[in-house]
C-alpha atoms as a PDB file:
ATOM      1  CA  MET A   1     -72.412  16.572   7.908  1.00  0.00           C
ATOM      2  CA  ALA A   2     -69.868  14.281   9.536  1.00  0.00           C
ATOM      3  CA  GLY A   3     -70.425  10.933  11.258  1.00  0.00           C
ATOM      4  CA  ASN A   4     -72.305  12.102  14.372  1.00  0.00           C
ATOM      5  CA  GLY A   5     -74.660  14.542  12.695  1.00  0.00           C
ATOM      6  CA  GLN A   6     -77.327  12.130  11.441  1.00  0.00           C
ATOM      7  CA  THR A   7     -77.202  10.120  14.689  1.00  0.00           C
ATOM      8  CA  VAL A   8     -77.984  13.238  16.693  1.00  0.00           C
ATOM      9  CA  ILE A   9     -80.668  14.457  14.243  1.00  0.00           C
ATOM     10  CA  ASP A  10     -82.378  11.072  14.688  1.00  0.00           C
ATOM     11  CA  LEU A  11     -82.056  11.263  18.506  1.00  0.00           C
ATOM     12  CA  ASP A  12     -83.526  14.719  18.542  1.00  0.00           C
ATOM     13  CA  ARG A  13     -86.505  13.606  16.439  1.00  0.00           C
ATOM     14  CA  LYS A  14     -86.974  10.810  18.966  1.00  0.00           C
ATOM     15  CA  ARG A  15     -86.864  13.383  21.809  1.00  0.00           C
ATOM     16  CA  MET A  16     -89.488  15.528  20.068  1.00  0.00           C
ATOM     17  CA  GLN A  17     -91.723  12.489  19.561  1.00  0.00           C
ATOM     18  CA  ALA A  18     -91.249  11.583  23.231  1.00  0.00           C
ATOM     19  CA  MET A  19     -92.381  15.074  24.257  1.00  0.00           C
ATOM     20  CA  ALA A  20     -95.605  14.662  22.281  1.00  0.00           C
ATOM     21  CA  ALA A  21     -96.109  11.092  23.600  1.00  0.00           C
ATOM     22  CA  LYS A  22     -95.385  12.096  27.227  1.00  0.00           C
ATOM     23  CA  ASP A  23     -92.655   9.435  27.212  1.00  0.00           C
ATOM     24  CA  THR A  24     -90.764  10.621  30.265  1.00  0.00           C
ATOM     25  CA  ALA A  25     -88.430   7.575  30.375  1.00  0.00           C
ATOM     26  CA  THR A  26     -87.032   8.505  26.940  1.00  0.00           C
ATOM     27  CA  LEU A  27     -86.775  12.176  27.960  1.00  0.00           C
ATOM     28  CA  GLU A  28     -84.925  11.264  31.164  1.00  0.00           C
ATOM     29  CA  SER A  29     -82.394   9.408  29.018  1.00  0.00           C
ATOM     30  CA  LEU A  30     -81.983  11.959  26.200  1.00  0.00           C
ATOM     31  CA  ILE A  31     -81.933  15.155  28.249  1.00  0.00           C
ATOM     32  CA  ALA A  32     -78.862  16.119  30.292  1.00  0.00           C
ATOM     33  CA  ASP A  33     -79.276  16.851  33.997  1.00  0.00           C
ATOM     34  CA  ASP A  34     -77.780  20.349  33.443  1.00  0.00           C
ATOM     35  CA  LEU A  35     -80.109  21.239  30.516  1.00  0.00           C
ATOM     36  CA  ILE A  36     -80.832  24.900  29.756  1.00  0.00           C
ATOM     37  CA  TYR A  37     -84.095  25.040  27.790  1.00  0.00           C
ATOM     38  CA  THR A  38     -85.081  28.480  26.524  1.00  0.00           C
ATOM     39  CA  HIS A  39     -88.624  28.521  25.159  1.00  0.00           C
ATOM     40  CA  SER A  40     -89.686  30.860  22.353  1.00  0.00           C
ATOM     41  CA  SER A  41     -91.488  32.888  25.024  1.00  0.00           C
ATOM     42  CA  ALA A  42     -88.113  33.417  26.766  1.00  0.00           C
ATOM     43  CA  ARG A  43     -89.168  31.192  29.685  1.00  0.00           C
ATOM     44  CA  LEU A  44     -86.349  29.053  31.021  1.00  0.00           C
ATOM     45  CA  ASP A  45     -86.606  25.420  32.080  1.00  0.00           C
ATOM     46  CA  THR A  46     -84.237  22.900  33.556  1.00  0.00           C
ATOM     47  CA  LYS A  47     -84.506  19.194  32.864  1.00  0.00           C
ATOM     48  CA  ARG A  48     -86.514  18.769  36.040  1.00  0.00           C
ATOM     49  CA  SER A  49     -88.903  21.662  35.477  1.00  0.00           C
ATOM     50  CA  LEU A  50     -89.442  20.753  31.806  1.00  0.00           C
ATOM     51  CA  ILE A  51     -90.353  17.162  32.606  1.00  0.00           C
ATOM     52  CA  ASP A  52     -92.327  18.104  35.741  1.00  0.00           C
ATOM     53  CA  ASN A  53     -94.418  20.662  33.785  1.00  0.00           C
ATOM     54  CA  MET A  54     -95.231  17.965  31.243  1.00  0.00           C
ATOM     55  CA  THR A  55     -96.066  15.425  33.931  1.00  0.00           C
ATOM     56  CA  SER A  56     -98.301  17.822  35.853  1.00  0.00           C
ATOM     57  CA  GLY A  57    -100.197  18.803  32.690  1.00  0.00           C
ATOM     58  CA  SER A  58     -99.320  22.527  32.859  1.00  0.00           C
ATOM     59  CA  THR A  59     -97.447  22.082  29.547  1.00  0.00           C
ATOM     60  CA  VAL A  60     -98.893  19.431  27.178  1.00  0.00           C
ATOM     61  CA  TYR A  61     -97.139  18.986  23.849  1.00  0.00           C
ATOM     62  CA  THR A  62     -99.353  17.327  21.231  1.00  0.00           C
ATOM     63  CA  ALA A  63     -96.937  17.652  18.300  1.00  0.00           C
ATOM     64  CA  VAL A  64     -93.355  18.732  17.702  1.00  0.00           C
ATOM     65  CA  GLU A  65     -92.438  18.308  14.024  1.00  0.00           C
ATOM     66  CA  PRO A  66     -88.913  19.249  12.876  1.00  0.00           C
ATOM     67  CA  SER A  67     -87.882  20.232   9.367  1.00  0.00           C
ATOM     68  CA  ASP A  68     -84.823  21.594   7.569  1.00  0.00           C
ATOM     69  CA  VAL A  69     -82.566  20.303  10.357  1.00  0.00           C
ATOM     70  CA  LYS A  70     -78.809  20.723   9.828  1.00  0.00           C
ATOM     71  CA  ALA A  71     -76.021  19.414  12.020  1.00  0.00           C
ATOM     72  CA  GLN A  72     -72.582  20.840  12.822  1.00  0.00           C
ATOM     73  CA  ASP A  73     -70.441  17.956  14.085  1.00  0.00           C
ATOM     74  CA  LEU A  74     -67.800  19.279  16.503  1.00  0.00           C
ATOM     75  CA  GLY A  75     -66.641  15.888  17.778  1.00  0.00           C
ATOM     76  CA  ASP A  76     -68.173  15.303  21.218  1.00  0.00           C
ATOM     77  CA  THR A  77     -70.632  18.127  20.561  1.00  0.00           C
ATOM     78  CA  VAL A  78     -73.225  18.451  17.802  1.00  0.00           C
ATOM     79  CA  VAL A  79     -75.126  21.683  17.139  1.00  0.00           C
ATOM     80  CA  LEU A  80     -78.480  21.311  15.385  1.00  0.00           C
ATOM     81  CA  THR A  81     -80.384  24.125  13.696  1.00  0.00           C
ATOM     82  CA  GLY A  82     -83.765  23.850  12.097  1.00  0.00           C
ATOM     83  CA  ILE A  83     -87.448  24.640  12.148  1.00  0.00           C
ATOM     84  CA  ALA A  84     -90.137  22.953  14.251  1.00  0.00           C
ATOM     85  CA  GLN A  85     -93.885  23.188  14.158  1.00  0.00           C
ATOM     86  CA  ILE A  86     -95.189  22.957  17.712  1.00  0.00           C
ATOM     87  CA  LYS A  87     -98.639  22.268  19.088  1.00  0.00           C
ATOM     88  CA  VAL A  88     -98.877  22.712  22.830  1.00  0.00           C
ATOM     89  CA  THR A  89    -101.383  23.510  25.543  1.00  0.00           C
ATOM     90  CA  ALA A  90     -99.796  25.806  28.115  1.00  0.00           C
ATOM     91  CA  ASN A  91    -101.735  26.467  31.299  1.00  0.00           C
ATOM     92  CA  GLY A  92    -104.937  25.494  29.500  1.00  0.00           C
ATOM     93  CA  ASN A  93    -104.305  27.639  26.395  1.00  0.00           C
ATOM     94  CA  PRO A  94    -103.904  25.715  23.110  1.00  0.00           C
ATOM     95  CA  LEU A  95    -101.141  27.125  20.905  1.00  0.00           C
ATOM     96  CA  ALA A  96     -99.738  26.242  17.478  1.00  0.00           C
ATOM     97  CA  PHE A  97     -96.704  27.981  16.053  1.00  0.00           C
ATOM     98  CA  GLY A  98     -93.447  27.501  14.248  1.00  0.00           C
ATOM     99  CA  VAL A  99     -89.988  28.141  15.674  1.00  0.00           C
ATOM    100  CA  ARG A 100     -86.454  28.333  14.436  1.00  0.00           C
ATOM    101  CA  PHE A 101     -84.229  26.483  16.909  1.00  0.00           C
ATOM    102  CA  THR A 102     -80.662  25.839  17.947  1.00  0.00           C
ATOM    103  CA  ASP A 103     -80.188  22.606  19.868  1.00  0.00           C
ATOM    104  CA  VAL A 104     -76.920  21.321  21.324  1.00  0.00           C
ATOM    105  CA  TYR A 105     -76.078  17.731  22.163  1.00  0.00           C
ATOM    106  CA  ALA A 106     -72.952  16.573  23.990  1.00  0.00           C
ATOM    107  CA  LYS A 107     -71.546  13.068  24.176  1.00  0.00           C
ATOM    108  CA  ARG A 108     -71.101  12.150  27.839  1.00  0.00           C
ATOM    109  CA  GLY A 109     -70.326   8.725  29.197  1.00  0.00           C
ATOM    110  CA  GLY A 110     -70.594   7.292  25.706  1.00  0.00           C
ATOM    111  CA  ARG A 111     -74.105   8.628  25.015  1.00  0.00           C
ATOM    112  CA  TRP A 112     -75.575  11.708  23.459  1.00  0.00           C
ATOM    113  CA  GLN A 113     -77.711  14.052  25.531  1.00  0.00           C
ATOM    114  CA  MET A 114     -79.373  17.406  24.813  1.00  0.00           C
ATOM    115  CA  VAL A 115     -77.694  20.136  26.882  1.00  0.00           C
ATOM    116  CA  THR A 116     -79.204  23.333  25.356  1.00  0.00           C
ATOM    117  CA  TRP A 117     -82.351  24.376  23.417  1.00  0.00           C
ATOM    118  CA  GLN A 118     -83.074  27.900  22.225  1.00  0.00           C
ATOM    119  CA  SER A 119     -85.998  28.760  19.972  1.00  0.00           C
ATOM    120  CA  THR A 120     -87.467  31.856  18.369  1.00  0.00           C
ATOM    121  CA  LYS A 121     -91.041  32.060  17.074  1.00  0.00           C
ATOM    122  CA  LEU A 122     -91.389  32.412  13.328  1.00  0.00           C
ATOM    123  CA  PRO A 123     -93.353  35.440  12.105  1.00  0.00           C
END
């Protein structure tokens, strides 16, 4: 893991904690305006729809816990892969499951932002 890898792993953990804490100010900062967020259900979200769904209460994350996260440092882009245990209430239905994810951060204007998330439910 090169220089940027651990920095981005730490930022992504902060983003996951912000999701569970409903900390929209942190999410606004860490998520790129052109985000493509693919849920494990294959539903797509943009930055706006992801944050708006959390704010409205239709999607309520109570825990997002990463593990086994690895970083590929490509300079101004870092690709993370790992596992996350997620607890969420979606449209009133409580769910708990694990996912394997790929998460991409790009350095723009001197700061790192998440540009892509793709996850697959673990069996």
